[in-house]
Amino acid sequence: MTQKIWTAVDDYLSDMLVPPDRALAAALEASADAGLPEIAVSPNQGKLLMLLARSINARSVLEIGTLGGYSTIWLARALPKGGHVVTLEAVPTHAEVARANFKRARLGAMIDVRLGKALDLLPKLATEKRKPFDFVFIDADKENIPDYFAWALKLTRPGSLIVVDNVIRGGRVIDAQTRDQNIRGVRRFNEMLKKEKRVSATTIQTVGVKGYDGFTLAVVMK
């Protein structure tokens, strides 16, 4: 199997199951024009996020790592009237592009973009008088995944769903001797998850247009 066939199959599945969408296409185009890194989720992955959020009847979503807002749009569309998304982004340019993309998609009123480092914003979020989040998507720097996950547990409730992206790292996650801080962050997260009694979790390997990677899916139990 090669990247060529992975991409071809991903494109085929997108053609079959993910209809063309002007707002999503415009979000990707605007992100590329602004020079944002091309690391947004694929169309199939975006739709999976939407389906997962919809399957638990989520009304509130926390996203850690906005980028240009492509995944945020998918998540926002999963929510019913009155639902809301809080998305955290550390880079001002990314946040600016995302806000414009949300406005174009007519979702600006339900998406709260917060600018700053997530580890600074999460404690502040915890002090606000709000209900727990139903769904959390963690897609930021991998070095800090363990800390992001710890905060996700504080900000959710039993039954909430937490998705952590990019946790296979092209298979390099099994390298116990690595000096790559992103991989070390994922490995620390896995050790944390192994001992964590408040969730039931699994990790799935994936291939596709984004290469070889995977995601962790965790249900908050107690």
N, C-alpha and C. Protein backbone atom coordinates (compact mmCIF):
# COMPACT_ATOMS: atom_id res chain seq x y z
N MET A 1 0.83 -1.20 0.00
CA MET A 1 0.00 0.00 0.00
C MET A 1 0.87 1.26 0.00
N THR A 2 0.49 2.25 -0.74
CA THR A 2 1.25 3.48 -0.85
C THR A 2 0.35 4.69 -0.62
N GLN A 3 1.00 5.84 -0.46
CA GLN A 3 0.23 7.06 -0.29
C GLN A 3 -0.68 7.31 -1.49
N LYS A 4 -0.24 6.92 -2.67
CA LYS A 4 -1.03 7.14 -3.87
C LYS A 4 -2.37 6.43 -3.79
N ILE A 5 -2.38 5.18 -3.38
CA ILE A 5 -3.63 4.44 -3.29
C ILE A 5 -4.47 4.92 -2.12
N TRP A 6 -3.82 5.29 -1.00
CA TRP A 6 -4.57 5.82 0.13
C TRP A 6 -5.34 7.08 -0.28
N THR A 7 -4.66 7.96 -1.01
CA THR A 7 -5.28 9.20 -1.45
C THR A 7 -6.40 8.92 -2.44
N ALA A 8 -6.18 7.98 -3.36
CA ALA A 8 -7.19 7.66 -4.36
C ALA A 8 -8.46 7.12 -3.71
N VAL A 9 -8.30 6.25 -2.72
CA VAL A 9 -9.46 5.69 -2.03
C VAL A 9 -10.17 6.77 -1.22
N ASP A 10 -9.39 7.62 -0.56
CA ASP A 10 -9.99 8.72 0.21
C ASP A 10 -10.81 9.62 -0.71
N ASP A 11 -10.24 9.95 -1.86
CA ASP A 11 -10.95 10.80 -2.83
C ASP A 11 -12.24 10.11 -3.31
N TYR A 12 -12.16 8.81 -3.56
CA TYR A 12 -13.34 8.05 -4.00
C TYR A 12 -14.44 8.09 -2.93
N LEU A 13 -14.05 7.85 -1.67
CA LEU A 13 -15.03 7.86 -0.59
C LEU A 13 -15.63 9.25 -0.39
N SER A 14 -14.80 10.27 -0.52
CA SER A 14 -15.32 11.64 -0.41
C SER A 14 -16.33 11.93 -1.51
N ASP A 15 -16.03 11.49 -2.72
CA ASP A 15 -16.95 11.69 -3.85
C ASP A 15 -18.29 10.99 -3.59
N MET A 16 -18.23 9.83 -2.95
CA MET A 16 -19.44 9.05 -2.70
C MET A 16 -20.26 9.60 -1.53
N LEU A 17 -19.57 10.06 -0.47
CA LEU A 17 -20.24 10.29 0.81
C LEU A 17 -20.17 11.71 1.34
N VAL A 18 -19.34 12.54 0.75
CA VAL A 18 -19.21 13.92 1.24
C VAL A 18 -19.50 14.87 0.08
N PRO A 19 -20.73 15.33 -0.04
CA PRO A 19 -21.09 16.19 -1.17
C PRO A 19 -20.29 17.49 -1.16
N PRO A 20 -20.08 18.08 -2.35
CA PRO A 20 -19.39 19.38 -2.42
C PRO A 20 -20.08 20.41 -1.54
N ASP A 21 -19.29 21.24 -0.90
CA ASP A 21 -19.83 22.23 0.03
C ASP A 21 -19.06 23.53 -0.14
N ARG A 22 -19.77 24.58 -0.50
CA ARG A 22 -19.10 25.85 -0.80
C ARG A 22 -18.38 26.44 0.40
N ALA A 23 -19.03 26.40 1.56
CA ALA A 23 -18.44 27.01 2.75
C ALA A 23 -17.17 26.28 3.18
N LEU A 24 -17.20 24.95 3.13
CA LEU A 24 -16.03 24.18 3.51
C LEU A 24 -14.90 24.36 2.51
N ALA A 25 -15.24 24.36 1.22
CA ALA A 25 -14.23 24.57 0.19
C ALA A 25 -13.61 25.96 0.32
N ALA A 26 -14.44 26.96 0.60
CA ALA A 26 -13.95 28.32 0.76
C ALA A 26 -13.05 28.44 1.98
N ALA A 27 -13.36 27.70 3.04
CA ALA A 27 -12.54 27.72 4.24
C ALA A 27 -11.14 27.18 3.95
N LEU A 28 -11.07 26.10 3.20
CA LEU A 28 -9.77 25.54 2.83
C LEU A 28 -9.00 26.49 1.91
N GLU A 29 -9.71 27.09 0.97
CA GLU A 29 -9.07 28.02 0.03
C GLU A 29 -8.53 29.25 0.77
N ALA A 30 -9.33 29.80 1.67
CA ALA A 30 -8.90 30.98 2.41
C ALA A 30 -7.71 30.65 3.31
N SER A 31 -7.71 29.47 3.88
CA SER A 31 -6.61 29.04 4.74
C SER A 31 -5.32 28.92 3.93
N ALA A 32 -5.43 28.33 2.74
CA ALA A 32 -4.26 28.19 1.88
C ALA A 32 -3.74 29.55 1.42
N ASP A 33 -4.68 30.44 1.04
CA ASP A 33 -4.28 31.78 0.59
C ASP A 33 -3.57 32.56 1.68
N ALA A 34 -3.93 32.29 2.94
CA ALA A 34 -3.31 32.99 4.07
C ALA A 34 -2.00 32.34 4.52
N GLY A 35 -1.65 31.24 3.86
CA GLY A 35 -0.40 30.58 4.20
C GLY A 35 -0.46 29.67 5.41
N LEU A 36 -1.67 29.27 5.82
CA LEU A 36 -1.78 28.36 6.95
C LEU A 36 -1.28 26.98 6.54
N PRO A 37 -0.69 26.24 7.46
CA PRO A 37 -0.23 24.89 7.13
C PRO A 37 -1.39 24.00 6.71
N GLU A 38 -1.16 23.13 5.75
CA GLU A 38 -2.21 22.27 5.21
C GLU A 38 -2.35 21.01 6.07
N ILE A 39 -2.82 21.22 7.29
CA ILE A 39 -2.92 20.12 8.25
C ILE A 39 -4.34 19.96 8.79
N ALA A 40 -5.31 20.56 8.12
CA ALA A 40 -6.71 20.39 8.55
C ALA A 40 -7.13 18.95 8.33
N VAL A 41 -8.16 18.52 9.03
CA VAL A 41 -8.68 17.17 8.83
C VAL A 41 -9.17 17.03 7.39
N SER A 42 -9.24 15.80 6.91
CA SER A 42 -9.75 15.54 5.57
C SER A 42 -11.27 15.66 5.58
N PRO A 43 -11.90 15.74 4.39
CA PRO A 43 -13.38 15.78 4.36
C PRO A 43 -14.03 14.59 5.06
N ASN A 44 -13.49 13.39 4.84
CA ASN A 44 -14.07 12.22 5.51
C ASN A 44 -13.90 12.29 7.02
N GLN A 45 -12.76 12.78 7.47
CA GLN A 45 -12.53 12.92 8.91
C GLN A 45 -13.44 14.00 9.49
N GLY A 46 -13.62 15.08 8.75
CA GLY A 46 -14.51 16.14 9.21
C GLY A 46 -15.93 15.64 9.38
N LYS A 47 -16.38 14.86 8.40
CA LYS A 47 -17.74 14.33 8.51
C LYS A 47 -17.85 13.34 9.66
N LEU A 48 -16.78 12.57 9.91
CA LEU A 48 -16.79 11.65 11.05
C LEU A 48 -16.97 12.43 12.35
N LEU A 49 -16.26 13.54 12.50
CA LEU A 49 -16.42 14.36 13.70
C LEU A 49 -17.87 14.83 13.85
N MET A 50 -18.46 15.27 12.74
CA MET A 50 -19.84 15.73 12.78
C MET A 50 -20.78 14.59 13.21
N LEU A 51 -20.57 13.40 12.64
CA LEU A 51 -21.43 12.26 12.97
C LEU A 51 -21.27 11.83 14.42
N LEU A 52 -20.04 11.85 14.91
CA LEU A 52 -19.81 11.48 16.31
C LEU A 52 -20.51 12.45 17.25
N ALA A 53 -20.37 13.74 16.97
CA ALA A 53 -21.02 14.74 17.83
C ALA A 53 -22.54 14.61 17.75
N ARG A 54 -23.03 14.38 16.55
CA ARG A 54 -24.49 14.24 16.39
C ARG A 54 -25.01 12.97 17.04
N SER A 55 -24.20 11.91 17.05
CA SER A 55 -24.65 10.62 17.60
C SER A 55 -24.90 10.68 19.10
N ILE A 56 -24.24 11.62 19.78
CA ILE A 56 -24.46 11.75 21.23
C ILE A 56 -25.36 12.96 21.53
N ASN A 57 -25.97 13.52 20.49
CA ASN A 57 -26.84 14.69 20.65
C ASN A 57 -26.12 15.84 21.36
N ALA A 58 -24.89 16.07 20.95
CA ALA A 58 -24.10 17.13 21.57
C ALA A 58 -24.74 18.49 21.35
N ARG A 59 -24.67 19.32 22.37
CA ARG A 59 -25.13 20.70 22.27
C ARG A 59 -23.98 21.68 22.47
N SER A 60 -22.88 21.20 23.04
CA SER A 60 -21.74 22.07 23.29
C SER A 60 -20.45 21.34 22.95
N VAL A 61 -19.55 22.04 22.27
CA VAL A 61 -18.30 21.46 21.81
C VAL A 61 -17.14 22.36 22.22
N LEU A 62 -16.07 21.72 22.67
CA LEU A 62 -14.80 22.41 22.92
C LEU A 62 -13.78 21.87 21.94
N GLU A 63 -13.15 22.77 21.20
CA GLU A 63 -12.11 22.39 20.26
C GLU A 63 -10.80 23.06 20.68
N ILE A 64 -9.75 22.26 20.79
CA ILE A 64 -8.43 22.79 21.14
C ILE A 64 -7.57 22.73 19.89
N GLY A 65 -7.39 23.87 19.25
CA GLY A 65 -6.66 23.95 17.99
C GLY A 65 -7.61 24.25 16.84
N THR A 66 -7.78 25.53 16.50
CA THR A 66 -8.74 25.94 15.49
C THR A 66 -8.20 25.84 14.07
N LEU A 67 -6.94 26.26 13.89
CA LEU A 67 -6.34 26.45 12.57
C LEU A 67 -7.25 27.39 11.76
N GLY A 68 -7.69 26.98 10.58
CA GLY A 68 -8.55 27.85 9.78
C GLY A 68 -10.03 27.60 9.99
N GLY A 69 -10.36 26.69 10.92
CA GLY A 69 -11.76 26.49 11.27
C GLY A 69 -12.49 25.45 10.44
N TYR A 70 -11.78 24.67 9.63
CA TYR A 70 -12.44 23.66 8.80
C TYR A 70 -13.15 22.61 9.66
N SER A 71 -12.44 22.04 10.62
CA SER A 71 -13.07 21.05 11.50
C SER A 71 -14.14 21.69 12.38
N THR A 72 -13.94 22.94 12.73
CA THR A 72 -14.91 23.65 13.57
C THR A 72 -16.26 23.77 12.87
N ILE A 73 -16.22 24.04 11.58
CA ILE A 73 -17.46 24.14 10.80
C ILE A 73 -18.20 22.81 10.80
N TRP A 74 -17.47 21.72 10.60
CA TRP A 74 -18.09 20.40 10.65
C TRP A 74 -18.76 20.17 12.01
N LEU A 75 -18.05 20.49 13.08
CA LEU A 75 -18.59 20.27 14.42
C LEU A 75 -19.79 21.15 14.70
N ALA A 76 -19.72 22.40 14.31
CA ALA A 76 -20.84 23.32 14.54
C ALA A 76 -22.11 22.85 13.83
N ARG A 77 -21.93 22.27 12.67
CA ARG A 77 -23.09 21.80 11.91
C ARG A 77 -23.75 20.58 12.53
N ALA A 78 -23.06 19.93 13.47
CA ALA A 78 -23.65 18.78 14.15
C ALA A 78 -24.63 19.20 15.23
N LEU A 79 -24.57 20.47 15.63
CA LEU A 79 -25.32 20.91 16.81
C LEU A 79 -26.72 21.41 16.47
N PRO A 80 -27.64 21.25 17.42
CA PRO A 80 -29.00 21.76 17.21
C PRO A 80 -29.06 23.26 17.43
N LYS A 81 -30.21 23.82 17.19
CA LYS A 81 -30.41 25.24 17.45
C LYS A 81 -30.12 25.51 18.92
N GLY A 82 -29.34 26.55 19.17
CA GLY A 82 -28.95 26.88 20.54
C GLY A 82 -27.63 26.26 20.95
N GLY A 83 -27.07 25.40 20.10
CA GLY A 83 -25.78 24.80 20.40
C GLY A 83 -24.65 25.79 20.22
N HIS A 84 -23.48 25.47 20.78
CA HIS A 84 -22.35 26.39 20.66
C HIS A 84 -21.03 25.64 20.69
N VAL A 85 -20.04 26.27 20.07
CA VAL A 85 -18.68 25.75 20.02
C VAL A 85 -17.73 26.79 20.61
N VAL A 86 -16.85 26.35 21.47
CA VAL A 86 -15.74 27.18 21.93
C VAL A 86 -14.47 26.58 21.34
N THR A 87 -13.73 27.37 20.57
CA THR A 87 -12.53 26.86 19.93
C THR A 87 -11.34 27.74 20.30
N LEU A 88 -10.23 27.10 20.65
CA LEU A 88 -9.05 27.80 21.17
C LEU A 88 -7.94 27.80 20.13
N GLU A 89 -7.36 28.97 19.87
CA GLU A 89 -6.30 29.08 18.87
C GLU A 89 -5.20 30.02 19.36
N ALA A 90 -3.96 29.56 19.23
CA ALA A 90 -2.83 30.33 19.75
C ALA A 90 -2.27 31.35 18.77
N VAL A 91 -2.54 31.16 17.47
CA VAL A 91 -1.92 32.01 16.44
C VAL A 91 -2.93 33.04 15.94
N PRO A 92 -2.64 34.34 16.08
CA PRO A 92 -3.61 35.37 15.68
C PRO A 92 -4.06 35.26 14.23
N THR A 93 -3.15 34.99 13.31
CA THR A 93 -3.52 34.88 11.90
C THR A 93 -4.51 33.75 11.68
N HIS A 94 -4.27 32.63 12.34
CA HIS A 94 -5.19 31.50 12.21
C HIS A 94 -6.58 31.88 12.71
N ALA A 95 -6.64 32.54 13.86
CA ALA A 95 -7.92 32.92 14.43
C ALA A 95 -8.66 33.90 13.52
N GLU A 96 -7.92 34.81 12.92
CA GLU A 96 -8.53 35.79 12.02
C GLU A 96 -9.14 35.11 10.80
N VAL A 97 -8.39 34.19 10.22
CA VAL A 97 -8.89 33.45 9.06
C VAL A 97 -10.11 32.62 9.45
N ALA A 98 -10.04 31.97 10.60
CA ALA A 98 -11.15 31.14 11.05
C ALA A 98 -12.42 31.95 11.25
N ARG A 99 -12.29 33.11 11.88
CA ARG A 99 -13.48 33.94 12.11
C ARG A 99 -14.14 34.32 10.79
N ALA A 100 -13.34 34.66 9.80
CA ALA A 100 -13.89 35.00 8.48
C ALA A 100 -14.57 33.79 7.85
N ASN A 101 -13.98 32.62 8.03
CA ASN A 101 -14.58 31.41 7.49
C ASN A 101 -15.92 31.10 8.17
N PHE A 102 -15.99 31.33 9.47
CA PHE A 102 -17.25 31.08 10.19
C PHE A 102 -18.33 32.05 9.75
N LYS A 103 -17.95 33.29 9.56
CA LYS A 103 -18.92 34.29 9.11
C LYS A 103 -19.45 33.92 7.73
N ARG A 104 -18.57 33.49 6.84
CA ARG A 104 -18.97 33.10 5.50
C ARG A 104 -19.91 31.90 5.53
N ALA A 105 -19.65 30.99 6.48
CA ALA A 105 -20.49 29.79 6.61
C ALA A 105 -21.76 30.07 7.41
N ARG A 106 -21.94 31.31 7.85
CA ARG A 106 -23.12 31.72 8.62
C ARG A 106 -23.21 30.97 9.94
N LEU A 107 -22.05 30.78 10.54
CA LEU A 107 -21.98 30.08 11.83
C LEU A 107 -21.32 30.93 12.91
N GLY A 108 -21.00 32.16 12.57
CA GLY A 108 -20.26 33.01 13.51
C GLY A 108 -20.92 33.19 14.85
N ALA A 109 -22.25 33.21 14.87
CA ALA A 109 -22.96 33.48 16.11
C ALA A 109 -22.86 32.32 17.10
N MET A 110 -22.58 31.12 16.62
CA MET A 110 -22.55 29.96 17.51
C MET A 110 -21.14 29.48 17.82
N ILE A 111 -20.13 30.17 17.27
CA ILE A 111 -18.75 29.76 17.48
C ILE A 111 -17.98 30.87 18.18
N ASP A 112 -17.41 30.54 19.32
CA ASP A 112 -16.64 31.48 20.13
C ASP A 112 -15.15 31.15 19.96
N VAL A 113 -14.45 32.00 19.22
CA VAL A 113 -13.01 31.80 19.00
C VAL A 113 -12.25 32.54 20.09
N ARG A 114 -11.43 31.82 20.82
CA ARG A 114 -10.64 32.43 21.89
C ARG A 114 -9.17 32.35 21.54
N LEU A 115 -8.54 33.51 21.55
CA LEU A 115 -7.14 33.62 21.12
C LEU A 115 -6.19 33.54 22.31
N GLY A 116 -5.22 32.65 22.22
CA GLY A 116 -4.22 32.50 23.26
C GLY A 116 -3.77 31.05 23.37
N LYS A 117 -2.78 30.82 24.19
CA LYS A 117 -2.32 29.45 24.40
C LYS A 117 -3.38 28.68 25.17
N ALA A 118 -3.64 27.47 24.72
CA ALA A 118 -4.72 26.70 25.32
C ALA A 118 -4.51 26.48 26.81
N LEU A 119 -3.27 26.27 27.22
CA LEU A 119 -3.02 26.01 28.64
C LEU A 119 -3.20 27.26 29.50
N ASP A 120 -3.30 28.43 28.87
CA ASP A 120 -3.67 29.65 29.58
C ASP A 120 -5.18 29.85 29.56
N LEU A 121 -5.81 29.46 28.45
CA LEU A 121 -7.25 29.68 28.30
C LEU A 121 -8.10 28.66 29.03
N LEU A 122 -7.64 27.43 29.12
CA LEU A 122 -8.45 26.38 29.74
C LEU A 122 -8.76 26.63 31.22
N PRO A 123 -7.78 27.08 32.02
CA PRO A 123 -8.12 27.40 33.42
C PRO A 123 -9.17 28.50 33.54
N LYS A 124 -9.09 29.48 32.63
CA LYS A 124 -10.08 30.56 32.64
C LYS A 124 -11.45 30.02 32.26
N LEU A 125 -11.47 29.13 31.30
CA LEU A 125 -12.73 28.53 30.86
C LEU A 125 -13.38 27.76 32.00
N ALA A 126 -12.54 27.12 32.82
CA ALA A 126 -13.05 26.32 33.93
C ALA A 126 -13.71 27.17 35.01
N THR A 127 -13.36 28.46 35.07
CA THR A 127 -13.93 29.33 36.10
C THR A 127 -15.29 29.90 35.68
N GLU A 128 -15.62 29.75 34.40
CA GLU A 128 -16.88 30.29 33.92
C GLU A 128 -18.05 29.40 34.35
N LYS A 129 -19.17 30.03 34.58
CA LYS A 129 -20.35 29.28 35.00
C LYS A 129 -21.07 28.76 33.76
N ARG A 130 -20.61 27.61 33.28
CA ARG A 130 -21.21 27.00 32.10
C ARG A 130 -21.37 25.50 32.34
N LYS A 131 -22.28 24.91 31.60
CA LYS A 131 -22.47 23.47 31.70
C LYS A 131 -21.27 22.75 31.09
N PRO A 132 -21.04 21.50 31.50
CA PRO A 132 -19.94 20.73 30.92
C PRO A 132 -20.10 20.57 29.42
N PHE A 133 -18.99 20.43 28.74
CA PHE A 133 -19.03 20.21 27.30
C PHE A 133 -19.42 18.76 27.01
N ASP A 134 -20.17 18.58 25.93
CA ASP A 134 -20.61 17.24 25.52
C ASP A 134 -19.56 16.55 24.64
N PHE A 135 -18.76 17.35 23.96
CA PHE A 135 -17.81 16.80 22.98
C PHE A 135 -16.56 17.67 22.99
N VAL A 136 -15.40 17.03 22.98
CA VAL A 136 -14.12 17.76 22.94
C VAL A 136 -13.27 17.18 21.82
N PHE A 137 -12.72 18.06 21.01
CA PHE A 137 -11.80 17.65 19.94
C PHE A 137 -10.45 18.30 20.20
N ILE A 138 -9.44 17.47 20.41
CA ILE A 138 -8.09 17.95 20.69
C ILE A 138 -7.23 17.76 19.45
N ASP A 139 -6.82 18.87 18.85
CA ASP A 139 -6.04 18.81 17.61
C ASP A 139 -5.04 19.96 17.59
N ALA A 140 -4.26 20.04 18.64
CA ALA A 140 -3.25 21.09 18.76
C ALA A 140 -1.87 20.44 18.88
N ASP A 141 -0.89 21.16 19.41
CA ASP A 141 0.45 20.61 19.54
C ASP A 141 0.42 19.33 20.37
N LYS A 142 1.14 18.34 19.91
CA LYS A 142 1.05 17.01 20.50
C LYS A 142 1.83 16.90 21.81
N GLU A 143 2.80 17.74 21.99
CA GLU A 143 3.60 17.72 23.22
C GLU A 143 2.74 17.91 24.46
N ASN A 144 1.69 18.72 24.32
CA ASN A 144 0.85 19.05 25.47
C ASN A 144 -0.46 18.26 25.53
N ILE A 145 -0.59 17.22 24.73
CA ILE A 145 -1.82 16.43 24.75
C ILE A 145 -2.20 15.95 26.16
N PRO A 146 -1.25 15.45 26.96
CA PRO A 146 -1.65 15.00 28.30
C PRO A 146 -2.33 16.10 29.12
N ASP A 147 -1.81 17.32 29.03
CA ASP A 147 -2.41 18.42 29.77
C ASP A 147 -3.77 18.81 29.19
N TYR A 148 -3.87 18.81 27.88
CA TYR A 148 -5.16 19.12 27.26
C TYR A 148 -6.22 18.09 27.66
N PHE A 149 -5.81 16.84 27.68
CA PHE A 149 -6.76 15.78 28.03
C PHE A 149 -7.19 15.91 29.50
N ALA A 150 -6.26 16.26 30.37
CA ALA A 150 -6.60 16.45 31.78
C ALA A 150 -7.64 17.55 31.94
N TRP A 151 -7.48 18.63 31.19
CA TRP A 151 -8.46 19.72 31.25
C TRP A 151 -9.79 19.28 30.63
N ALA A 152 -9.72 18.49 29.57
CA ALA A 152 -10.95 17.99 28.95
C ALA A 152 -11.78 17.20 29.95
N LEU A 153 -11.11 16.42 30.78
CA LEU A 153 -11.83 15.65 31.80
C LEU A 153 -12.51 16.56 32.82
N LYS A 154 -11.85 17.67 33.14
CA LYS A 154 -12.43 18.61 34.09
C LYS A 154 -13.64 19.35 33.52
N LEU A 155 -13.67 19.48 32.21
CA LEU A 155 -14.68 20.32 31.56
C LEU A 155 -15.81 19.52 30.92
N THR A 156 -15.84 18.20 31.16
CA THR A 156 -16.87 17.36 30.58
C THR A 156 -17.69 16.68 31.67
N ARG A 157 -18.50 15.73 31.27
CA ARG A 157 -19.41 15.02 32.19
C ARG A 157 -19.47 13.56 31.76
N PRO A 158 -19.99 12.69 32.60
CA PRO A 158 -20.20 11.30 32.17
C PRO A 158 -21.06 11.25 30.90
N GLY A 159 -20.58 10.55 29.90
CA GLY A 159 -21.27 10.49 28.63
C GLY A 159 -20.66 11.38 27.57
N SER A 160 -19.83 12.32 27.97
CA SER A 160 -19.16 13.18 27.00
C SER A 160 -18.15 12.36 26.19
N LEU A 161 -17.86 12.85 24.99
CA LEU A 161 -16.94 12.17 24.08
C LEU A 161 -15.72 13.07 23.86
N ILE A 162 -14.53 12.48 23.94
CA ILE A 162 -13.29 13.21 23.70
C ILE A 162 -12.55 12.54 22.56
N VAL A 163 -12.20 13.30 21.52
CA VAL A 163 -11.45 12.79 20.38
C VAL A 163 -10.11 13.50 20.34
N VAL A 164 -9.03 12.72 20.24
CA VAL A 164 -7.68 13.27 20.17
C VAL A 164 -7.08 12.84 18.84
N ASP A 165 -6.67 13.80 18.03
CA ASP A 165 -6.20 13.50 16.68
C ASP A 165 -4.68 13.34 16.62
N ASN A 166 -4.22 12.68 15.56
CA ASN A 166 -2.79 12.56 15.22
C ASN A 166 -1.98 11.85 16.29
N VAL A 167 -2.44 10.68 16.71
CA VAL A 167 -1.78 9.99 17.82
C VAL A 167 -0.95 8.78 17.39
N ILE A 168 -0.84 8.54 16.08
CA ILE A 168 -0.03 7.43 15.58
C ILE A 168 1.29 7.91 15.02
N ARG A 169 1.28 9.13 14.47
CA ARG A 169 2.50 9.79 14.00
C ARG A 169 3.27 8.93 12.99
N GLY A 170 2.56 8.38 12.01
CA GLY A 170 3.20 7.57 11.00
C GLY A 170 3.82 6.30 11.54
N GLY A 171 3.33 5.82 12.67
CA GLY A 171 3.83 4.62 13.30
C GLY A 171 4.95 4.87 14.29
N ARG A 172 5.43 6.09 14.35
CA ARG A 172 6.58 6.40 15.22
C ARG A 172 6.20 6.42 16.70
N VAL A 173 4.92 6.31 17.00
CA VAL A 173 4.48 6.31 18.39
C VAL A 173 5.08 5.13 19.17
N ILE A 174 5.49 4.07 18.49
CA ILE A 174 6.03 2.91 19.19
C ILE A 174 7.51 3.07 19.54
N ASP A 175 8.13 4.17 19.11
CA ASP A 175 9.56 4.39 19.37
C ASP A 175 9.77 4.94 20.78
N ALA A 176 10.13 4.07 21.69
CA ALA A 176 10.31 4.48 23.09
C ALA A 176 11.54 5.35 23.29
N GLN A 177 12.45 5.36 22.34
CA GLN A 177 13.70 6.12 22.47
C GLN A 177 13.65 7.47 21.76
N THR A 178 12.53 7.81 21.17
CA THR A 178 12.44 9.03 20.39
C THR A 178 12.74 10.28 21.21
N ARG A 179 13.31 11.27 20.54
CA ARG A 179 13.51 12.58 21.15
C ARG A 179 12.52 13.61 20.61
N ASP A 180 11.67 13.17 19.71
CA ASP A 180 10.64 14.04 19.13
C ASP A 180 9.61 14.36 20.22
N GLN A 181 9.48 15.63 20.55
CA GLN A 181 8.60 16.02 21.65
C GLN A 181 7.13 15.74 21.36
N ASN A 182 6.74 15.81 20.10
CA ASN A 182 5.36 15.50 19.75
C ASN A 182 5.04 14.02 20.01
N ILE A 183 5.96 13.16 19.60
CA ILE A 183 5.75 11.73 19.83
C ILE A 183 5.82 11.41 21.32
N ARG A 184 6.75 12.04 22.01
CA ARG A 184 6.85 11.81 23.45
C ARG A 184 5.57 12.27 24.15
N GLY A 185 4.97 13.35 23.66
CA GLY A 185 3.70 13.81 24.22
C GLY A 185 2.60 12.79 24.03
N VAL A 186 2.54 12.18 22.83
CA VAL A 186 1.54 11.16 22.57
C VAL A 186 1.77 9.93 23.45
N ARG A 187 3.03 9.55 23.62
CA ARG A 187 3.33 8.39 24.46
C ARG A 187 2.96 8.64 25.92
N ARG A 188 3.20 9.85 26.41
CA ARG A 188 2.79 10.19 27.77
C ARG A 188 1.27 10.14 27.90
N PHE A 189 0.61 10.60 26.86
CA PHE A 189 -0.85 10.55 26.84
C PHE A 189 -1.35 9.10 26.92
N ASN A 190 -0.71 8.20 26.16
CA ASN A 190 -1.12 6.80 26.18
C ASN A 190 -0.91 6.17 27.56
N GLU A 191 0.19 6.51 28.20
CA GLU A 191 0.44 6.01 29.56
C GLU A 191 -0.60 6.54 30.54
N MET A 192 -0.95 7.79 30.35
CA MET A 192 -1.98 8.42 31.17
C MET A 192 -3.33 7.74 30.95
N LEU A 193 -3.64 7.49 29.69
CA LEU A 193 -4.93 6.88 29.34
C LEU A 193 -5.03 5.46 29.88
N LYS A 194 -3.92 4.75 29.87
CA LYS A 194 -3.89 3.37 30.36
C LYS A 194 -4.32 3.28 31.83
N LYS A 195 -3.97 4.31 32.60
CA LYS A 195 -4.25 4.31 34.03
C LYS A 195 -5.54 5.05 34.40
N GLU A 196 -6.11 5.78 33.44
CA GLU A 196 -7.26 6.64 33.73
C GLU A 196 -8.55 5.82 33.84
N LYS A 197 -9.14 5.83 35.02
CA LYS A 197 -10.34 5.04 35.29
C LYS A 197 -11.64 5.77 34.94
N ARG A 198 -11.53 7.05 34.65
CA ARG A 198 -12.74 7.83 34.39
C ARG A 198 -13.21 7.75 32.94
N VAL A 199 -12.44 7.09 32.07
CA VAL A 199 -12.83 6.98 30.67
C VAL A 199 -12.69 5.55 30.18
N SER A 200 -13.43 5.26 29.12
CA SER A 200 -13.23 4.04 28.34
C SER A 200 -12.78 4.50 26.96
N ALA A 201 -11.63 4.00 26.51
CA ALA A 201 -11.03 4.58 25.30
C ALA A 201 -10.46 3.51 24.38
N THR A 202 -10.31 3.89 23.12
CA THR A 202 -9.60 3.08 22.15
C THR A 202 -8.92 4.01 21.16
N THR A 203 -7.92 3.47 20.45
CA THR A 203 -7.22 4.25 19.43
C THR A 203 -7.26 3.48 18.11
N ILE A 204 -7.58 4.20 17.04
CA ILE A 204 -7.74 3.61 15.72
C ILE A 204 -6.68 4.17 14.77
N GLN A 205 -5.98 3.28 14.07
CA GLN A 205 -5.04 3.70 13.04
C GLN A 205 -5.82 4.05 11.77
N THR A 206 -5.36 5.07 11.05
CA THR A 206 -6.03 5.47 9.82
C THR A 206 -5.00 5.71 8.72
N VAL A 207 -5.45 5.52 7.47
CA VAL A 207 -4.68 5.94 6.30
C VAL A 207 -5.60 6.72 5.39
N GLY A 208 -5.03 7.58 4.57
CA GLY A 208 -5.84 8.38 3.68
C GLY A 208 -5.04 9.51 3.07
N VAL A 209 -5.75 10.52 2.62
CA VAL A 209 -5.09 11.65 1.98
C VAL A 209 -4.10 12.33 2.92
N LYS A 210 -4.31 12.19 4.22
CA LYS A 210 -3.42 12.80 5.20
C LYS A 210 -2.28 11.87 5.62
N GLY A 211 -2.17 10.72 4.96
CA GLY A 211 -1.10 9.80 5.29
C GLY A 211 -1.52 8.78 6.33
N TYR A 212 -0.53 8.28 7.06
CA TYR A 212 -0.74 7.24 8.06
C TYR A 212 -0.73 7.87 9.45
N ASP A 213 -1.87 7.81 10.13
CA ASP A 213 -1.97 8.38 11.47
C ASP A 213 -3.09 7.68 12.21
N GLY A 214 -3.79 8.39 13.08
CA GLY A 214 -4.89 7.79 13.81
C GLY A 214 -5.44 8.72 14.87
N PHE A 215 -6.47 8.26 15.56
CA PHE A 215 -7.12 9.09 16.57
C PHE A 215 -7.53 8.23 17.76
N THR A 216 -7.64 8.89 18.90
CA THR A 216 -8.13 8.24 20.12
C THR A 216 -9.55 8.72 20.38
N LEU A 217 -10.40 7.78 20.75
CA LEU A 217 -11.79 8.07 21.08
C LEU A 217 -12.01 7.64 22.53
N ALA A 218 -12.43 8.59 23.37
CA ALA A 218 -12.62 8.30 24.80
C ALA A 218 -14.00 8.75 25.25
N VAL A 219 -14.71 7.88 25.93
CA VAL A 219 -16.00 8.21 26.53
C VAL A 219 -15.79 8.42 28.02
N VAL A 220 -16.26 9.54 28.51
CA VAL A 220 -16.15 9.82 29.94
C VAL A 220 -17.18 8.97 30.67
N MET A 221 -16.71 8.18 31.63
CA MET A 221 -17.58 7.23 32.34
C MET A 221 -18.02 7.75 33.70
N LYS A 222 -17.11 8.40 34.42
CA LYS A 222 -17.44 8.89 35.77
C LYS A 222 -16.46 9.97 36.16
